Amino acid sequence: MAKRQNEYQSIKDLMKTVIKENNLTKGMQKMDAREAWEKLMGAGVMSYTDTVQLQNTTLVVKLKSSVLREELSYGKEKIVAMINEELGQELVKKLMLV
């Protein structure tokens, strides 16, 4: 049985340790990127969004509407900056709307 530590730690710190020790960082980043897209784009855009995937440093968003895709393509740099600001790190370098 593992030795019990007598030090008190916050749950946030414990979760960071578990994520790091079990190599779950990339999976958590993918989830965080999807949640950031949902939060920043709102319900209107999410109703036309099929999938949101983080592939390396590219956020690939599959949209149902070609009109929405065209409109969002004009602000790709701003969207990338907003997502990175929401995530607190420069995780996304490119946005691909398909």
PDB file of N, CA and C in Angstrom:
ATOM      1  N   MET A   1       0.836  -1.167   0.000  1.00  0.00           N
ATOM      2  CA  MET A   1       0.000   0.000   0.000  1.00  0.00           C
ATOM      3  C   MET A   1       0.889   1.240   0.000  1.00  0.00           C
ATOM      4  N   ALA A   2       0.455   2.279  -0.703  1.00  0.00           N
ATOM      5  CA  ALA A   2       1.234   3.509  -0.807  1.00  0.00           C
ATOM      6  C   ALA A   2       1.241   4.245   0.524  1.00  0.00           C
ATOM      7  N   LYS A   3       2.367   4.898   0.770  1.00  0.00           N
ATOM      8  CA  LYS A   3       2.503   5.663   2.002  1.00  0.00           C
ATOM      9  C   LYS A   3       1.643   6.916   1.925  1.00  0.00           C
ATOM     10  N   ARG A   4       0.924   7.191   2.954  1.00  0.00           N
ATOM     11  CA  ARG A   4       0.034   8.348   2.992  1.00  0.00           C
ATOM     12  C   ARG A   4       0.829   9.599   3.347  1.00  0.00           C
ATOM     13  N   GLN A   5       0.592  10.652   2.574  1.00  0.00           N
ATOM     14  CA  GLN A   5       1.259  11.914   2.849  1.00  0.00           C
ATOM     15  C   GLN A   5       0.478  12.679   3.906  1.00  0.00           C
ATOM     16  N   ASN A   6       1.199  13.319   4.799  1.00  0.00           N
ATOM     17  CA  ASN A   6       0.546  14.080   5.856  1.00  0.00           C
ATOM     18  C   ASN A   6       0.293  15.521   5.437  1.00  0.00           C
ATOM     19  N   GLU A   7       0.828  15.929   4.312  1.00  0.00           N
ATOM     20  CA  GLU A   7       0.642  17.294   3.861  1.00  0.00           C
ATOM     21  C   GLU A   7      -0.735  17.444   3.215  1.00  0.00           C
ATOM     22  N   TYR A   8      -1.318  18.594   3.424  1.00  0.00           N
ATOM     23  CA  TYR A   8      -2.600  18.883   2.805  1.00  0.00           C
ATOM     24  C   TYR A   8      -2.353  19.585   1.471  1.00  0.00           C
ATOM     25  N   GLN A   9      -3.089  19.175   0.432  1.00  0.00           N
ATOM     26  CA  GLN A   9      -2.973  19.789  -0.880  1.00  0.00           C
ATOM     27  C   GLN A   9      -4.377  20.087  -1.391  1.00  0.00           C
ATOM     28  N   SER A  10      -4.452  21.120  -2.194  1.00  0.00           N
ATOM     29  CA  SER A  10      -5.757  21.439  -2.774  1.00  0.00           C
ATOM     30  C   SER A  10      -6.091  20.408  -3.857  1.00  0.00           C
ATOM     31  N   ILE A  11      -7.361  20.268  -4.152  1.00  0.00           N
ATOM     32  CA  ILE A  11      -7.802  19.316  -5.177  1.00  0.00           C
ATOM     33  C   ILE A  11      -7.246  19.723  -6.534  1.00  0.00           C
ATOM     34  N   LYS A  12      -7.159  21.030  -6.778  1.00  0.00           N
ATOM     35  CA  LYS A  12      -6.614  21.528  -8.041  1.00  0.00           C
ATOM     36  C   LYS A  12      -5.178  21.045  -8.237  1.00  0.00           C
ATOM     37  N   ASP A  13      -4.369  21.156  -7.189  1.00  0.00           N
ATOM     38  CA  ASP A  13      -2.977  20.703  -7.273  1.00  0.00           C
ATOM     39  C   ASP A  13      -2.891  19.195  -7.451  1.00  0.00           C
ATOM     40  N   LEU A  14      -3.750  18.467  -6.759  1.00  0.00           N
ATOM     41  CA  LEU A  14      -3.760  17.013  -6.887  1.00  0.00           C
ATOM     42  C   LEU A  14      -4.150  16.578  -8.302  1.00  0.00           C
ATOM     43  N   MET A  15      -5.141  17.251  -8.881  1.00  0.00           N
ATOM     44  CA  MET A  15      -5.562  16.917 -10.251  1.00  0.00           C
ATOM     45  C   MET A  15      -4.448  17.199 -11.246  1.00  0.00           C
ATOM     46  N   LYS A  16      -3.736  18.314 -11.072  1.00  0.00           N
ATOM     47  CA  LYS A  16      -2.607  18.619 -11.954  1.00  0.00           C
ATOM     48  C   LYS A  16      -1.545  17.530 -11.863  1.00  0.00           C
ATOM     49  N   THR A  17      -1.282  17.055 -10.657  1.00  0.00           N
ATOM     50  CA  THR A  17      -0.289  16.000 -10.463  1.00  0.00           C
ATOM     51  C   THR A  17      -0.736  14.705 -11.131  1.00  0.00           C
ATOM     52  N   VAL A  18      -1.990  14.334 -10.960  1.00  0.00           N
ATOM     53  CA  VAL A  18      -2.514  13.098 -11.561  1.00  0.00           C
ATOM     54  C   VAL A  18      -2.470  13.192 -13.085  1.00  0.00           C
ATOM     55  N   ILE A  19      -2.856  14.329 -13.630  1.00  0.00           N
ATOM     56  CA  ILE A  19      -2.839  14.513 -15.079  1.00  0.00           C
ATOM     57  C   ILE A  19      -1.425  14.412 -15.619  1.00  0.00           C
ATOM     58  N   LYS A  20      -0.489  15.030 -14.929  1.00  0.00           N
ATOM     59  CA  LYS A  20       0.908  15.011 -15.379  1.00  0.00           C
ATOM     60  C   LYS A  20       1.513  13.608 -15.271  1.00  0.00           C
ATOM     61  N   GLU A  21       1.288  12.935 -14.168  1.00  0.00           N
ATOM     62  CA  GLU A  21       1.871  11.607 -13.949  1.00  0.00           C
ATOM     63  C   GLU A  21       1.309  10.559 -14.900  1.00  0.00           C
ATOM     64  N   ASN A  22       0.068  10.716 -15.332  1.00  0.00           N
ATOM     65  CA  ASN A  22      -0.569   9.731 -16.203  1.00  0.00           C
ATOM     66  C   ASN A  22      -0.572  10.136 -17.678  1.00  0.00           C
ATOM     67  N   ASN A  23       0.224  11.158 -18.015  1.00  0.00           N
ATOM     68  CA  ASN A  23       0.350  11.627 -19.397  1.00  0.00           C
ATOM     69  C   ASN A  23      -1.000  11.938 -20.037  1.00  0.00           C
ATOM     70  N   LEU A  24      -1.825  12.667 -19.335  1.00  0.00           N
ATOM     71  CA  LEU A  24      -3.152  13.028 -19.824  1.00  0.00           C
ATOM     72  C   LEU A  24      -3.220  14.481 -20.289  1.00  0.00           C
ATOM     73  N   THR A  25      -2.090  15.146 -20.370  1.00  0.00           N
ATOM     74  CA  THR A  25      -2.067  16.573 -20.690  1.00  0.00           C
ATOM     75  C   THR A  25      -2.669  16.863 -22.052  1.00  0.00           C
ATOM     76  N   LYS A  26      -2.292  16.094 -23.077  1.00  0.00           N
ATOM     77  CA  LYS A  26      -2.805  16.353 -24.418  1.00  0.00           C
ATOM     78  C   LYS A  26      -4.312  16.156 -24.491  1.00  0.00           C
ATOM     79  N   GLY A  27      -4.816  15.142 -23.850  1.00  0.00           N
ATOM     80  CA  GLY A  27      -6.261  14.905 -23.839  1.00  0.00           C
ATOM     81  C   GLY A  27      -7.008  16.026 -23.149  1.00  0.00           C
ATOM     82  N   MET A  28      -6.455  16.526 -22.066  1.00  0.00           N
ATOM     83  CA  MET A  28      -7.091  17.624 -21.348  1.00  0.00           C
ATOM     84  C   MET A  28      -7.045  18.905 -22.189  1.00  0.00           C
ATOM     85  N   GLN A  29      -5.957  19.112 -22.921  1.00  0.00           N
ATOM     86  CA  GLN A  29      -5.864  20.287 -23.787  1.00  0.00           C
ATOM     87  C   GLN A  29      -6.915  20.226 -24.895  1.00  0.00           C
ATOM     88  N   LYS A  30      -7.156  19.040 -25.434  1.00  0.00           N
ATOM     89  CA  LYS A  30      -8.181  18.888 -26.469  1.00  0.00           C
ATOM     90  C   LYS A  30      -9.559  19.233 -25.917  1.00  0.00           C
ATOM     91  N   MET A  31      -9.832  18.775 -24.713  1.00  0.00           N
ATOM     92  CA  MET A  31     -11.120  19.084 -24.091  1.00  0.00           C
ATOM     93  C   MET A  31     -11.236  20.572 -23.799  1.00  0.00           C
ATOM     94  N   ASP A  32     -10.155  21.162 -23.322  1.00  0.00           N
ATOM     95  CA  ASP A  32     -10.167  22.588 -23.006  1.00  0.00           C
ATOM     96  C   ASP A  32     -10.396  23.427 -24.255  1.00  0.00           C
ATOM     97  N   ALA A  33      -9.793  23.028 -25.381  1.00  0.00           N
ATOM     98  CA  ALA A  33      -9.960  23.771 -26.634  1.00  0.00           C
ATOM     99  C   ALA A  33     -11.416  23.714 -27.089  1.00  0.00           C
ATOM    100  N   ARG A  34     -12.042  22.551 -26.975  1.00  0.00           N
ATOM    101  CA  ARG A  34     -13.454  22.422 -27.363  1.00  0.00           C
ATOM    102  C   ARG A  34     -14.347  23.280 -26.462  1.00  0.00           C
ATOM    103  N   GLU A  35     -14.080  23.245 -25.176  1.00  0.00           N
ATOM    104  CA  GLU A  35     -14.876  24.041 -24.240  1.00  0.00           C
ATOM    105  C   GLU A  35     -14.689  25.533 -24.489  1.00  0.00           C
ATOM    106  N   ALA A  36     -13.476  25.949 -24.832  1.00  0.00           N
ATOM    107  CA  ALA A  36     -13.222  27.363 -25.132  1.00  0.00           C
ATOM    108  C   ALA A  36     -13.991  27.789 -26.378  1.00  0.00           C
ATOM    109  N   TRP A  37     -14.020  26.915 -27.407  1.00  0.00           N
ATOM    110  CA  TRP A  37     -14.781  27.225 -28.628  1.00  0.00           C
ATOM    111  C   TRP A  37     -16.258  27.408 -28.286  1.00  0.00           C
ATOM    112  N   GLU A  38     -16.811  26.477 -27.502  1.00  0.00           N
ATOM    113  CA  GLU A  38     -18.221  26.550 -27.118  1.00  0.00           C
ATOM    114  C   GLU A  38     -18.524  27.830 -26.347  1.00  0.00           C
ATOM    115  N   LYS A  39     -17.655  28.173 -25.416  1.00  0.00           N
ATOM    116  CA  LYS A  39     -17.881  29.351 -24.574  1.00  0.00           C
ATOM    117  C   LYS A  39     -17.788  30.642 -25.390  1.00  0.00           C
ATOM    118  N   LEU A  40     -16.787  30.740 -26.251  1.00  0.00           N
ATOM    119  CA  LEU A  40     -16.559  31.977 -26.990  1.00  0.00           C
ATOM    120  C   LEU A  40     -17.523  32.169 -28.154  1.00  0.00           C
ATOM    121  N   MET A  41     -17.911  31.099 -28.813  1.00  0.00           N
ATOM    122  CA  MET A  41     -18.754  31.212 -29.997  1.00  0.00           C
ATOM    123  C   MET A  41     -20.243  31.279 -29.660  1.00  0.00           C
ATOM    124  N   GLY A  42     -20.624  30.733 -28.550  1.00  0.00           N
ATOM    125  CA  GLY A  42     -22.022  30.812 -28.125  1.00  0.00           C
ATOM    126  C   GLY A  42     -22.908  29.736 -28.746  1.00  0.00           C
ATOM    127  N   ALA A  43     -24.157  29.741 -28.346  1.00  0.00           N
ATOM    128  CA  ALA A  43     -25.110  28.707 -28.758  1.00  0.00           C
ATOM    129  C   ALA A  43     -25.442  28.783 -30.240  1.00  0.00           C
ATOM    130  N   GLY A  44     -25.465  29.983 -30.793  1.00  0.00           N
ATOM    131  CA  GLY A  44     -25.798  30.137 -32.209  1.00  0.00           C
ATOM    132  C   GLY A  44     -24.814  29.430 -33.113  1.00  0.00           C
ATOM    133  N   VAL A  45     -23.536  29.667 -32.899  1.00  0.00           N
ATOM    134  CA  VAL A  45     -22.497  29.020 -33.716  1.00  0.00           C
ATOM    135  C   VAL A  45     -22.420  27.531 -33.385  1.00  0.00           C
ATOM    136  N   MET A  46     -22.603  27.191 -32.127  1.00  0.00           N
ATOM    137  CA  MET A  46     -22.522  25.774 -31.731  1.00  0.00           C
ATOM    138  C   MET A  46     -23.623  24.953 -32.391  1.00  0.00           C
ATOM    139  N   SER A  47     -24.759  25.558 -32.700  1.00  0.00           N
ATOM    140  CA  SER A  47     -25.826  24.808 -33.359  1.00  0.00           C
ATOM    141  C   SER A  47     -25.437  24.423 -34.790  1.00  0.00           C
ATOM    142  N   TYR A  48     -24.475  25.126 -35.375  1.00  0.00           N
ATOM    143  CA  TYR A  48     -23.989  24.813 -36.715  1.00  0.00           C
ATOM    144  C   TYR A  48     -22.634  24.104 -36.699  1.00  0.00           C
ATOM    145  N   THR A  49     -22.141  23.759 -35.521  1.00  0.00           N
ATOM    146  CA  THR A  49     -20.838  23.106 -35.384  1.00  0.00           C
ATOM    147  C   THR A  49     -21.022  21.607 -35.254  1.00  0.00           C
ATOM    148  N   ASP A  50     -20.335  20.852 -36.131  1.00  0.00           N
ATOM    149  CA  ASP A  50     -20.362  19.389 -36.036  1.00  0.00           C
ATOM    150  C   ASP A  50     -19.304  18.899 -35.053  1.00  0.00           C
ATOM    151  N   THR A  51     -18.046  19.188 -35.342  1.00  0.00           N
ATOM    152  CA  THR A  51     -16.958  18.713 -34.491  1.00  0.00           C
ATOM    153  C   THR A  51     -15.923  19.811 -34.275  1.00  0.00           C
ATOM    154  N   VAL A  52     -15.252  19.712 -33.138  1.00  0.00           N
ATOM    155  CA  VAL A  52     -14.128  20.591 -32.812  1.00  0.00           C
ATOM    156  C   VAL A  52     -13.007  19.685 -32.330  1.00  0.00           C
ATOM    157  N   GLN A  53     -11.888  19.683 -33.066  1.00  0.00           N
ATOM    158  CA  GLN A  53     -10.770  18.816 -32.716  1.00  0.00           C
ATOM    159  C   GLN A  53      -9.483  19.617 -32.709  1.00  0.00           C
ATOM    160  N   LEU A  54      -8.627  19.349 -31.724  1.00  0.00           N
ATOM    161  CA  LEU A  54      -7.304  19.945 -31.677  1.00  0.00           C
ATOM    162  C   LEU A  54      -6.317  18.910 -32.197  1.00  0.00           C
ATOM    163  N   GLN A  55      -5.680  19.223 -33.319  1.00  0.00           N
ATOM    164  CA  GLN A  55      -4.692  18.337 -33.922  1.00  0.00           C
ATOM    165  C   GLN A  55      -3.361  19.072 -33.893  1.00  0.00           C
ATOM    166  N   ASN A  56      -2.486  18.653 -32.984  1.00  0.00           N
ATOM    167  CA  ASN A  56      -1.221  19.343 -32.702  1.00  0.00           C
ATOM    168  C   ASN A  56      -1.528  20.776 -32.298  1.00  0.00           C
ATOM    169  N   THR A  57      -1.211  21.760 -33.134  1.00  0.00           N
ATOM    170  CA  THR A  57      -1.500  23.155 -32.785  1.00  0.00           C
ATOM    171  C   THR A  57      -2.582  23.748 -33.685  1.00  0.00           C
ATOM    172  N   THR A  58      -3.289  22.909 -34.412  1.00  0.00           N
ATOM    173  CA  THR A  58      -4.346  23.356 -35.314  1.00  0.00           C
ATOM    174  C   THR A  58      -5.708  22.963 -34.751  1.00  0.00           C
ATOM    175  N   LEU A  59      -6.589  23.941 -34.633  1.00  0.00           N
ATOM    176  CA  LEU A  59      -7.954  23.670 -34.204  1.00  0.00           C
ATOM    177  C   LEU A  59      -8.805  23.481 -35.450  1.00  0.00           C
ATOM    178  N   VAL A  60      -9.313  22.272 -35.631  1.00  0.00           N
ATOM    179  CA  VAL A  60     -10.118  21.933 -36.807  1.00  0.00           C
ATOM    180  C   VAL A  60     -11.582  21.938 -36.394  1.00  0.00           C
ATOM    181  N   VAL A  61     -12.354  22.816 -37.049  1.00  0.00           N
ATOM    182  CA  VAL A  61     -13.769  22.967 -36.721  1.00  0.00           C
ATOM    183  C   VAL A  61     -14.578  22.621 -37.964  1.00  0.00           C
ATOM    184  N   LYS A  62     -15.453  21.624 -37.842  1.00  0.00           N
ATOM    185  CA  LYS A  62     -16.314  21.240 -38.953  1.00  0.00           C
ATOM    186  C   LYS A  62     -17.669  21.906 -38.746  1.00  0.00           C
ATOM    187  N   LEU A  63     -18.060  22.710 -39.739  1.00  0.00           N
ATOM    188  CA  LEU A  63     -19.308  23.469 -39.656  1.00  0.00           C
ATOM    189  C   LEU A  63     -20.331  22.943 -40.657  1.00  0.00           C
ATOM    190  N   LYS A  64     -21.614  23.059 -40.323  1.00  0.00           N
ATOM    191  CA  LYS A  64     -22.699  22.627 -41.199  1.00  0.00           C
ATOM    192  C   LYS A  64     -23.067  23.697 -42.226  1.00  0.00           C
ATOM    193  N   SER A  65     -22.702  24.945 -41.967  1.00  0.00           N
ATOM    194  CA  SER A  65     -23.120  26.067 -42.807  1.00  0.00           C
ATOM    195  C   SER A  65     -21.924  26.667 -43.540  1.00  0.00           C
ATOM    196  N   SER A  66     -21.986  26.692 -44.870  1.00  0.00           N
ATOM    197  CA  SER A  66     -20.911  27.293 -45.657  1.00  0.00           C
ATOM    198  C   SER A  66     -20.901  28.817 -45.483  1.00  0.00           C
ATOM    199  N   VAL A  67     -22.056  29.408 -45.250  1.00  0.00           N
ATOM    200  CA  VAL A  67     -22.141  30.850 -45.033  1.00  0.00           C
ATOM    201  C   VAL A  67     -21.435  31.228 -43.729  1.00  0.00           C
ATOM    202  N   LEU A  68     -21.697  30.479 -42.672  1.00  0.00           N
ATOM    203  CA  LEU A  68     -21.041  30.725 -41.391  1.00  0.00           C
ATOM    204  C   LEU A  68     -19.536  30.506 -41.511  1.00  0.00           C
ATOM    205  N   ARG A  69     -19.132  29.465 -42.222  1.00  0.00           N
ATOM    206  CA  ARG A  69     -17.715  29.174 -42.436  1.00  0.00           C
ATOM    207  C   ARG A  69     -17.016  30.371 -43.085  1.00  0.00           C
ATOM    208  N   GLU A  70     -17.659  30.948 -44.095  1.00  0.00           N
ATOM    209  CA  GLU A  70     -17.100  32.106 -44.797  1.00  0.00           C
ATOM    210  C   GLU A  70     -17.006  33.312 -43.864  1.00  0.00           C
ATOM    211  N   GLU A  71     -18.047  33.552 -43.089  1.00  0.00           N
ATOM    212  CA  GLU A  71     -18.044  34.689 -42.158  1.00  0.00           C
ATOM    213  C   GLU A  71     -16.953  34.546 -41.102  1.00  0.00           C
ATOM    214  N   LEU A  72     -16.817  33.345 -40.541  1.00  0.00           N
ATOM    215  CA  LEU A  72     -15.803  33.127 -39.504  1.00  0.00           C
ATOM    216  C   LEU A  72     -14.390  33.173 -40.075  1.00  0.00           C
ATOM    217  N   SER A  73     -14.229  32.847 -41.346  1.00  0.00           N
ATOM    218  CA  SER A  73     -12.891  32.828 -41.944  1.00  0.00           C
ATOM    219  C   SER A  73     -12.262  34.224 -41.969  1.00  0.00           C
ATOM    220  N   TYR A  74     -13.074  35.270 -41.964  1.00  0.00           N
ATOM    221  CA  TYR A  74     -12.542  36.633 -41.958  1.00  0.00           C
ATOM    222  C   TYR A  74     -11.884  36.995 -40.628  1.00  0.00           C
ATOM    223  N   GLY A  75     -12.267  36.316 -39.554  1.00  0.00           N
ATOM    224  CA  GLY A  75     -11.728  36.642 -38.237  1.00  0.00           C
ATOM    225  C   GLY A  75     -10.926  35.532 -37.606  1.00  0.00           C
ATOM    226  N   LYS A  76     -10.275  34.709 -38.417  1.00  0.00           N
ATOM    227  CA  LYS A  76      -9.536  33.555 -37.881  1.00  0.00           C
ATOM    228  C   LYS A  76      -8.488  33.957 -36.851  1.00  0.00           C
ATOM    229  N   GLU A  77      -7.695  34.988 -37.153  1.00  0.00           N
ATOM    230  CA  GLU A  77      -6.622  35.399 -36.245  1.00  0.00           C
ATOM    231  C   GLU A  77      -7.190  35.859 -34.904  1.00  0.00           C
ATOM    232  N   LYS A  78      -8.303  36.588 -34.969  1.00  0.00           N
ATOM    233  CA  LYS A  78      -8.926  37.069 -33.736  1.00  0.00           C
ATOM    234  C   LYS A  78      -9.478  35.902 -32.921  1.00  0.00           C
ATOM    235  N   ILE A  79     -10.082  34.933 -33.596  1.00  0.00           N
ATOM    236  CA  ILE A  79     -10.627  33.762 -32.904  1.00  0.00           C
ATOM    237  C   ILE A  79      -9.507  32.978 -32.226  1.00  0.00           C
ATOM    238  N   VAL A  80      -8.386  32.784 -32.931  1.00  0.00           N
ATOM    239  CA  VAL A  80      -7.236  32.064 -32.359  1.00  0.00           C
ATOM    240  C   VAL A  80      -6.730  32.807 -31.120  1.00  0.00           C
ATOM    241  N   ALA A  81      -6.617  34.126 -31.204  1.00  0.00           N
ATOM    242  CA  ALA A  81      -6.151  34.919 -30.067  1.00  0.00           C
ATOM    243  C   ALA A  81      -7.109  34.808 -28.884  1.00  0.00           C
ATOM    244  N   MET A  82      -8.407  34.837 -29.154  1.00  0.00           N
ATOM    245  CA  MET A  82      -9.400  34.736 -28.080  1.00  0.00           C
ATOM    246  C   MET A  82      -9.361  33.357 -27.424  1.00  0.00           C
ATOM    247  N   ILE A  83      -9.206  32.314 -28.210  1.00  0.00           N
ATOM    248  CA  ILE A  83      -9.151  30.954 -27.652  1.00  0.00           C
ATOM    249  C   ILE A  83      -7.909  30.791 -26.794  1.00  0.00           C
ATOM    250  N   ASN A  84      -6.765  31.270 -27.294  1.00  0.00           N
ATOM    251  CA  ASN A  84      -5.530  31.161 -26.511  1.00  0.00           C
ATOM    252  C   ASN A  84      -5.619  31.961 -25.225  1.00  0.00           C
ATOM    253  N   GLU A  85      -6.270  33.120 -25.271  1.00  0.00           N
ATOM    254  CA  GLU A  85      -6.449  33.918 -24.066  1.00  0.00           C
ATOM    255  C   GLU A  85      -7.342  33.183 -23.068  1.00  0.00           C
ATOM    256  N   GLU A  86      -8.384  32.548 -23.572  1.00  0.00           N
ATOM    257  CA  GLU A  86      -9.291  31.778 -22.712  1.00  0.00           C
ATOM    258  C   GLU A  86      -8.565  30.598 -22.067  1.00  0.00           C
ATOM    259  N   LEU A  87      -7.685  29.946 -22.835  1.00  0.00           N
ATOM    260  CA  LEU A  87      -6.949  28.786 -22.330  1.00  0.00           C
ATOM    261  C   LEU A  87      -5.796  29.186 -21.417  1.00  0.00           C
ATOM    262  N   GLY A  88      -5.334  30.411 -21.536  1.00  0.00           N
ATOM    263  CA  GLY A  88      -4.232  30.862 -20.700  1.00  0.00           C
ATOM    264  C   GLY A  88      -2.870  30.422 -21.201  1.00  0.00           C
ATOM    265  N   GLN A  89      -2.802  29.930 -22.418  1.00  0.00           N
ATOM    266  CA  GLN A  89      -1.538  29.519 -23.024  1.00  0.00           C
ATOM    267  C   GLN A  89      -1.702  29.527 -24.536  1.00  0.00           C
ATOM    268  N   GLU A  90      -0.586  29.598 -25.250  1.00  0.00           N
ATOM    269  CA  GLU A  90      -0.665  29.613 -26.700  1.00  0.00           C
ATOM    270  C   GLU A  90      -0.670  28.171 -27.204  1.00  0.00           C
ATOM    271  N   LEU A  91      -1.842  27.593 -27.203  1.00  0.00           N
ATOM    272  CA  LEU A  91      -2.037  26.205 -27.579  1.00  0.00           C
ATOM    273  C   LEU A  91      -2.428  26.089 -29.046  1.00  0.00           C
ATOM    274  N   VAL A  92      -3.224  27.021 -29.545  1.00  0.00           N
ATOM    275  CA  VAL A  92      -3.720  26.999 -30.919  1.00  0.00           C
ATOM    276  C   VAL A  92      -2.943  28.021 -31.733  1.00  0.00           C
ATOM    277  N   LYS A  93      -2.377  27.586 -32.846  1.00  0.00           N
ATOM    278  CA  LYS A  93      -1.649  28.494 -33.734  1.00  0.00           C
ATOM    279  C   LYS A  93      -2.391  28.704 -35.049  1.00  0.00           C
ATOM    280  N   LYS A  94      -3.268  27.774 -35.389  1.00  0.00           N
ATOM    281  CA  LYS A  94      -3.970  27.855 -36.665  1.00  0.00           C
ATOM    282  C   LYS A  94      -5.405  27.366 -36.467  1.00  0.00           C
ATOM    283  N   LEU A  95      -6.325  28.012 -37.172  1.00  0.00           N
ATOM    284  CA  LEU A  95      -7.729  27.593 -37.157  1.00  0.00           C
ATOM    285  C   LEU A  95      -8.112  27.143 -38.551  1.00  0.00           C
ATOM    286  N   MET A  96      -8.637  25.934 -38.653  1.00  0.00           N
ATOM    287  CA  MET A  96      -9.079  25.403 -39.942  1.00  0.00           C
ATOM    288  C   MET A  96     -10.578  25.171 -39.875  1.00  0.00           C
ATOM    289  N   LEU A  97     -11.302  25.863 -40.720  1.00  0.00           N
ATOM    290  CA  LEU A  97     -12.760  25.726 -40.787  1.00  0.00           C
ATOM    291  C   LEU A  97     -13.097  24.866 -41.983  1.00  0.00           C
ATOM    292  N   VAL A  98     -13.732  23.733 -41.750  1.00  0.00           N
ATOM    293  CA  VAL A  98     -14.096  22.810 -42.841  1.00  0.00           C
ATOM    294  C   VAL A  98     -15.582  22.533 -42.814  1.00  0.00           C
TER     295      VAL A  98
END
